[in-house]
């Protein structure tokens, strides 16, 4: 993992502990997606719920987790 990814990961963890809203880059990192993929999902209306705060799209950690859980396949989910 390069230093940039470590920094984004550290900032995402700090955000989870202090503020439930993640930037698009932090949300993408959390989900293991490229930022461009998350942006495309948002534009298509198929990504996690998000909010526009000023000029910045923000993702609530609960919305990210719910979106991810809704896509679970296989295995025991019960």
C-alpha atoms as a PDB file:
ATOM      1  CA  UNK A   1       0.000   0.000   0.000  1.00  0.00           C
ATOM      2  CA  UNK A   2       1.494   3.346  -0.978  1.00  0.00           C
ATOM      3  CA  UNK A   3       1.649   6.404   1.282  1.00  0.00           C
ATOM      4  CA  UNK A   4      -1.326   8.072  -0.417  1.00  0.00           C
ATOM      5  CA  UNK A   5      -3.559   5.055   0.208  1.00  0.00           C
ATOM      6  CA  UNK A   6      -2.360   4.874   3.811  1.00  0.00           C
ATOM      7  CA  UNK A   7      -3.135   8.569   4.277  1.00  0.00           C
ATOM      8  CA  UNK A   8      -6.621   8.217   2.778  1.00  0.00           C
ATOM      9  CA  UNK A   9      -7.232   5.149   4.922  1.00  0.00           C
ATOM     10  CA  UNK A  10      -6.062   6.957   8.047  1.00  0.00           C
ATOM     11  CA  UNK A  11      -8.250   9.951   7.243  1.00  0.00           C
ATOM     12  CA  UNK A  12     -11.229   7.666   6.594  1.00  0.00           C
ATOM     13  CA  UNK A  13     -10.699   5.959   9.959  1.00  0.00           C
ATOM     14  CA  UNK A  14     -10.426   9.319  11.717  1.00  0.00           C
ATOM     15  CA  UNK A  15     -13.604  10.472   9.997  1.00  0.00           C
ATOM     16  CA  UNK A  16     -15.433   7.368  11.167  1.00  0.00           C
ATOM     17  CA  UNK A  17     -14.375   8.099  14.735  1.00  0.00           C
ATOM     18  CA  UNK A  18     -15.133  11.826  14.698  1.00  0.00           C
ATOM     19  CA  UNK A  19     -17.605  12.457  11.865  1.00  0.00           C
ATOM     20  CA  UNK A  20     -19.847   9.938  10.093  1.00  0.00           C
ATOM     21  CA  UNK A  21     -19.457  11.672   6.712  1.00  0.00           C
ATOM     22  CA  UNK A  22     -16.710  10.605   4.330  1.00  0.00           C
ATOM     23  CA  UNK A  23     -15.499  12.393   1.225  1.00  0.00           C
ATOM     24  CA  UNK A  24     -15.930  10.579  -2.079  1.00  0.00           C
ATOM     25  CA  UNK A  25     -12.255   9.556  -2.044  1.00  0.00           C
ATOM     26  CA  UNK A  26     -12.533   8.200   1.492  1.00  0.00           C
ATOM     27  CA  UNK A  27     -15.774   6.381   0.650  1.00  0.00           C
ATOM     28  CA  UNK A  28     -14.242   4.848  -2.469  1.00  0.00           C
ATOM     29  CA  UNK A  29     -11.223   3.671  -0.479  1.00  0.00           C
ATOM     30  CA  UNK A  30     -13.479   2.225   2.224  1.00  0.00           C
ATOM     31  CA  UNK A  31     -15.427   0.271  -0.405  1.00  0.00           C
ATOM     32  CA  UNK A  32     -12.328  -0.826  -2.308  1.00  0.00           C
ATOM     33  CA  UNK A  33     -13.453   1.039  -5.416  1.00  0.00           C
ATOM     34  CA  UNK A  34     -11.686   3.498  -7.648  1.00  0.00           C
ATOM     35  CA  UNK A  35     -12.815   7.080  -7.091  1.00  0.00           C
ATOM     36  CA  UNK A  36     -13.896   7.227 -10.749  1.00  0.00           C
ATOM     37  CA  UNK A  37     -16.077   4.131 -10.274  1.00  0.00           C
ATOM     38  CA  UNK A  38     -17.833   5.640  -7.254  1.00  0.00           C
ATOM     39  CA  UNK A  39     -18.329   8.884  -9.181  1.00  0.00           C
ATOM     40  CA  UNK A  40     -19.842   6.977 -12.115  1.00  0.00           C
ATOM     41  CA  UNK A  41     -22.159   5.058  -9.760  1.00  0.00           C
ATOM     42  CA  UNK A  42     -23.271   8.360  -8.212  1.00  0.00           C
ATOM     43  CA  UNK A  43     -23.944   9.881 -11.634  1.00  0.00           C
ATOM     44  CA  UNK A  44     -25.949   6.820 -12.688  1.00  0.00           C
ATOM     45  CA  UNK A  45     -27.912   6.887  -9.433  1.00  0.00           C
ATOM     46  CA  UNK A  46     -26.841   3.361  -8.471  1.00  0.00           C
ATOM     47  CA  UNK A  47     -24.211   4.124  -5.823  1.00  0.00           C
ATOM     48  CA  UNK A  48     -24.579   4.665  -2.097  1.00  0.00           C
ATOM     49  CA  UNK A  49     -26.755   7.546  -0.928  1.00  0.00           C
ATOM     50  CA  UNK A  50     -24.774  10.753  -0.799  1.00  0.00           C
ATOM     51  CA  UNK A  51     -25.229  14.397   0.044  1.00  0.00           C
ATOM     52  CA  UNK A  52     -23.811  17.554  -1.442  1.00  0.00           C
ATOM     53  CA  UNK A  53     -22.264  19.645   1.326  1.00  0.00           C
ATOM     54  CA  UNK A  54     -21.227  22.899  -0.317  1.00  0.00           C
ATOM     55  CA  UNK A  55     -19.239  21.714  -3.335  1.00  0.00           C
ATOM     56  CA  UNK A  56     -18.258  18.362  -1.846  1.00  0.00           C
ATOM     57  CA  UNK A  57     -20.151  15.092  -2.079  1.00  0.00           C
ATOM     58  CA  UNK A  58     -20.280  13.350   1.294  1.00  0.00           C
ATOM     59  CA  UNK A  59     -21.217   9.765   2.098  1.00  0.00           C
ATOM     60  CA  UNK A  60     -22.568   8.789   5.503  1.00  0.00           C
ATOM     61  CA  UNK A  61     -20.830   5.667   6.773  1.00  0.00           C
ATOM     62  CA  UNK A  62     -24.186   3.991   7.515  1.00  0.00           C
ATOM     63  CA  UNK A  63     -25.342   4.577   3.915  1.00  0.00           C
ATOM     64  CA  UNK A  64     -22.087   3.121   2.582  1.00  0.00           C
ATOM     65  CA  UNK A  65     -22.449   0.028   4.764  1.00  0.00           C
ATOM     66  CA  UNK A  66     -26.141  -0.421   3.853  1.00  0.00           C
ATOM     67  CA  UNK A  67     -25.395  -0.092   0.128  1.00  0.00           C
ATOM     68  CA  UNK A  68     -22.594  -2.635   0.396  1.00  0.00           C
ATOM     69  CA  UNK A  69     -24.662  -5.096   2.473  1.00  0.00           C
ATOM     70  CA  UNK A  70     -27.502  -4.923  -0.058  1.00  0.00           C
ATOM     71  CA  UNK A  71     -25.094  -6.297  -2.674  1.00  0.00           C
ATOM     72  CA  UNK A  72     -23.963  -9.317  -0.665  1.00  0.00           C
ATOM     73  CA  UNK A  73     -24.181 -12.586  -2.544  1.00  0.00           C
ATOM     74  CA  UNK A  74     -23.649 -16.205  -1.580  1.00  0.00           C
ATOM     75  CA  UNK A  75     -22.641 -17.621   1.770  1.00  0.00           C
ATOM     76  CA  UNK A  76     -24.639 -17.430   4.952  1.00  0.00           C
ATOM     77  CA  UNK A  77     -26.061 -13.930   5.488  1.00  0.00           C
ATOM     78  CA  UNK A  78     -28.476 -14.854   8.230  1.00  0.00           C
END
